[in-house]
Amino acid sequence: QVQLVESGGGLVQAGGSLRLSCAASGNVFSIHSMGWYRQAPGKKRELVATITGGENSVYADSVKGRFTISGGDAKNTVALQMYALKSEDTAVYYCNAETRTPGRIKDYWGQGTQVTVSS
């Protein structure tokens, strides 16, 4: 089992910035990658960014150049720095950890944190 605790989020004006953080505990040695997903009202949960081994990161096209993911290394924390926020970034943001053990891949999720961007 892996537990994920998120912090950050809130209300910000368009063009502003926010930072999300997530700390993992429990069976952390099984974590392969960590990342952030988001879900806006009436929409499916979507990938924002992931990072593997503290180096290899993947971003959604919609956030490239505006968001930066960091961590995901042995410290078992991951952060998402968000700049130039837009109203369409408004969503609940979820921290994710993908764990890998022999013969099994499993995802864990945080409780979610609300990000609201006012225009």
Protein backbone atom coordinates (compact mmCIF):
# COMPACT_ATOMS: atom_id res chain seq x y z
CA GLN A 1 0.00 0.00 0.00
CA VAL A 2 1.08 3.53 -0.78
CA GLN A 3 -0.45 6.61 0.74
CA LEU A 4 -0.30 9.96 -1.03
CA VAL A 5 -0.84 13.29 0.69
CA GLU A 6 -1.24 16.39 -1.43
CA SER A 7 -0.86 20.04 -0.53
CA GLY A 8 -1.18 23.30 -2.39
CA GLY A 9 -3.88 24.35 -4.76
CA GLY A 10 -6.44 27.08 -4.25
CA LEU A 11 -7.80 30.09 -6.08
CA VAL A 12 -5.64 32.19 -8.39
CA GLN A 13 -6.21 34.75 -11.11
CA ALA A 14 -5.50 33.94 -14.72
CA GLY A 15 -1.82 34.40 -15.46
CA GLY A 16 -0.85 33.56 -11.90
CA SER A 17 1.05 30.61 -10.51
CA LEU A 18 0.53 27.82 -8.00
CA ARG A 19 2.58 24.92 -6.68
CA LEU A 20 1.24 21.50 -5.80
CA SER A 21 3.15 19.02 -3.68
CA CYS A 22 2.62 15.35 -2.93
CA ALA A 23 4.38 13.07 -0.45
CA ALA A 24 4.25 9.30 -0.60
CA SER A 25 4.51 6.92 2.34
CA GLY A 26 4.12 3.20 2.90
CA ASN A 27 5.49 0.74 0.36
CA VAL A 28 7.45 3.46 -1.46
CA PHE A 29 10.23 1.20 -2.74
CA SER A 30 7.71 -0.18 -5.24
CA ILE A 31 7.05 3.24 -6.80
CA HIS A 32 8.05 3.36 -10.47
CA SER A 33 6.74 6.79 -11.38
CA MET A 34 4.77 9.65 -9.90
CA GLY A 35 2.68 12.32 -11.48
CA TRP A 36 -0.35 14.54 -11.61
CA TYR A 37 -3.71 14.11 -13.27
CA ARG A 38 -6.68 16.44 -13.28
CA GLN A 39 -10.41 16.23 -13.69
CA ALA A 40 -12.64 19.14 -14.59
CA PRO A 41 -16.41 19.03 -14.02
CA GLY A 42 -18.10 16.82 -16.59
CA LYS A 43 -14.81 15.66 -18.06
CA LYS A 44 -12.67 12.56 -17.77
CA ARG A 45 -9.54 12.49 -15.64
CA GLU A 46 -6.56 13.40 -17.79
CA LEU A 47 -2.79 13.27 -17.55
CA VAL A 48 -1.03 16.51 -16.65
CA ALA A 49 2.54 15.34 -16.13
CA THR A 50 4.49 12.34 -14.90
CA ILE A 51 8.09 11.77 -13.93
CA THR A 52 10.10 8.56 -13.69
CA GLY A 53 13.32 8.13 -11.81
CA GLY A 54 13.46 11.82 -11.11
CA GLU A 55 14.51 12.53 -14.69
CA ASN A 56 12.17 11.38 -17.42
CA SER A 57 9.12 13.60 -17.56
CA VAL A 58 6.06 13.60 -19.80
CA TYR A 59 3.65 16.51 -20.16
CA ALA A 60 0.23 16.98 -21.68
CA ASP A 61 0.43 19.24 -24.72
CA SER A 62 -1.90 21.71 -23.02
CA VAL A 63 0.57 22.41 -20.20
CA LYS A 64 3.95 22.19 -21.96
CA GLY A 65 6.01 25.28 -21.34
CA ARG A 66 3.80 26.38 -18.44
CA PHE A 67 4.01 23.54 -15.91
CA THR A 68 7.10 21.87 -14.47
CA ILE A 69 7.11 18.57 -12.62
CA SER A 70 9.92 17.70 -10.24
CA GLY A 71 10.81 15.00 -7.74
CA GLY A 72 9.69 11.44 -8.21
CA ASP A 73 13.05 10.26 -6.98
CA ALA A 74 14.20 8.54 -3.82
CA LYS A 75 12.63 11.28 -1.69
CA ASN A 76 9.23 9.99 -2.77
CA THR A 77 7.79 13.42 -3.28
CA VAL A 78 6.59 15.10 -6.42
CA ALA A 79 5.76 18.72 -7.09
CA LEU A 80 3.99 20.51 -9.89
CA GLN A 81 4.88 24.14 -10.45
CA MET A 82 2.22 25.83 -12.53
CA TYR A 83 2.77 29.16 -14.29
CA ALA A 84 0.64 31.26 -16.62
CA LEU A 85 -2.50 29.58 -15.40
CA LYS A 86 -5.60 29.70 -17.56
CA SER A 87 -9.26 29.28 -16.72
CA GLU A 88 -9.19 25.94 -18.51
CA ASP A 89 -6.69 24.69 -15.94
CA THR A 90 -9.45 24.75 -13.35
CA ALA A 91 -9.91 21.21 -12.07
CA VAL A 92 -9.33 18.85 -9.19
CA TYR A 93 -5.70 17.75 -9.36
CA TYR A 94 -4.77 14.25 -8.23
CA CYS A 95 -1.36 12.94 -7.29
CA ASN A 96 -0.59 9.53 -8.75
CA ALA A 97 1.98 6.87 -7.97
CA GLU A 98 2.45 3.85 -10.21
CA THR A 99 3.92 0.90 -8.35
CA ARG A 100 5.51 -2.14 -9.89
CA THR A 101 6.09 -5.46 -8.20
CA PRO A 102 6.77 -8.78 -9.93
CA GLY A 103 3.79 -9.46 -12.13
CA ARG A 104 1.75 -6.50 -10.97
CA ILE A 105 1.32 -2.83 -11.78
CA LYS A 106 -0.94 -0.78 -9.55
CA ASP A 107 -1.90 2.88 -9.35
CA TYR A 108 -2.46 4.83 -6.16
CA TRP A 109 -4.20 8.19 -5.91
CA GLY A 110 -4.26 11.12 -3.56
CA GLN A 111 -7.47 12.65 -2.32
CA GLY A 112 -7.34 15.48 -4.84
CA THR A 113 -6.83 19.21 -4.45
CA GLN A 114 -8.91 21.91 -6.11
CA VAL A 115 -7.28 24.44 -8.41
CA THR A 116 -9.53 27.28 -9.52
CA VAL A 117 -8.34 29.90 -11.99
CA SER A 118 -10.48 32.99 -12.25
CA SER A 119 -10.55 34.97 -15.47
